[in-house]
Amino acid sequence: MPSLLAFAAAAVLEIGGCFAFWAWLRLGQSPLWLLPGMAALAGFATLLTMADSPLAGRAYAAYGGIYITAALLWGWLIEGHRPDLWDVAGALICLAGMAVILFAPRAMPA
């Protein structure tokens, strides 16, 4: 699975899983929200292992740019809070960093 696809799917699962906890603790929803939330978080962790990186830390660092962008989109599409200019600028900076981390040419380890 290509890294960007894995990261995008992981972001949806991570944000959805965390939102389930938010809904329970902050919005007064039923504790039953935790069941799909925990399943989503397990799926998120599994998807991160599918990134095309030999190093977990590098994959997690690159994922950060996708996560930040997805979190802003979640806020807009699910919570109705449209990102402002600074949100968009920050997300673009993070995506640039993700691209450098993930796609930079590197020598193969010996």
Foldseek 3Di string as FASTA:
>chain_A
DELVVLLLLLLVLQVQLVVLVCCVPPVVDDPVSNVSSVVSNVSSVVSLVVYPDPDSVLSVLLSVLSNLVVVQVCCCPPVNDHDDPVSVVVSVVSNVVSCCSRPPDDDDDD
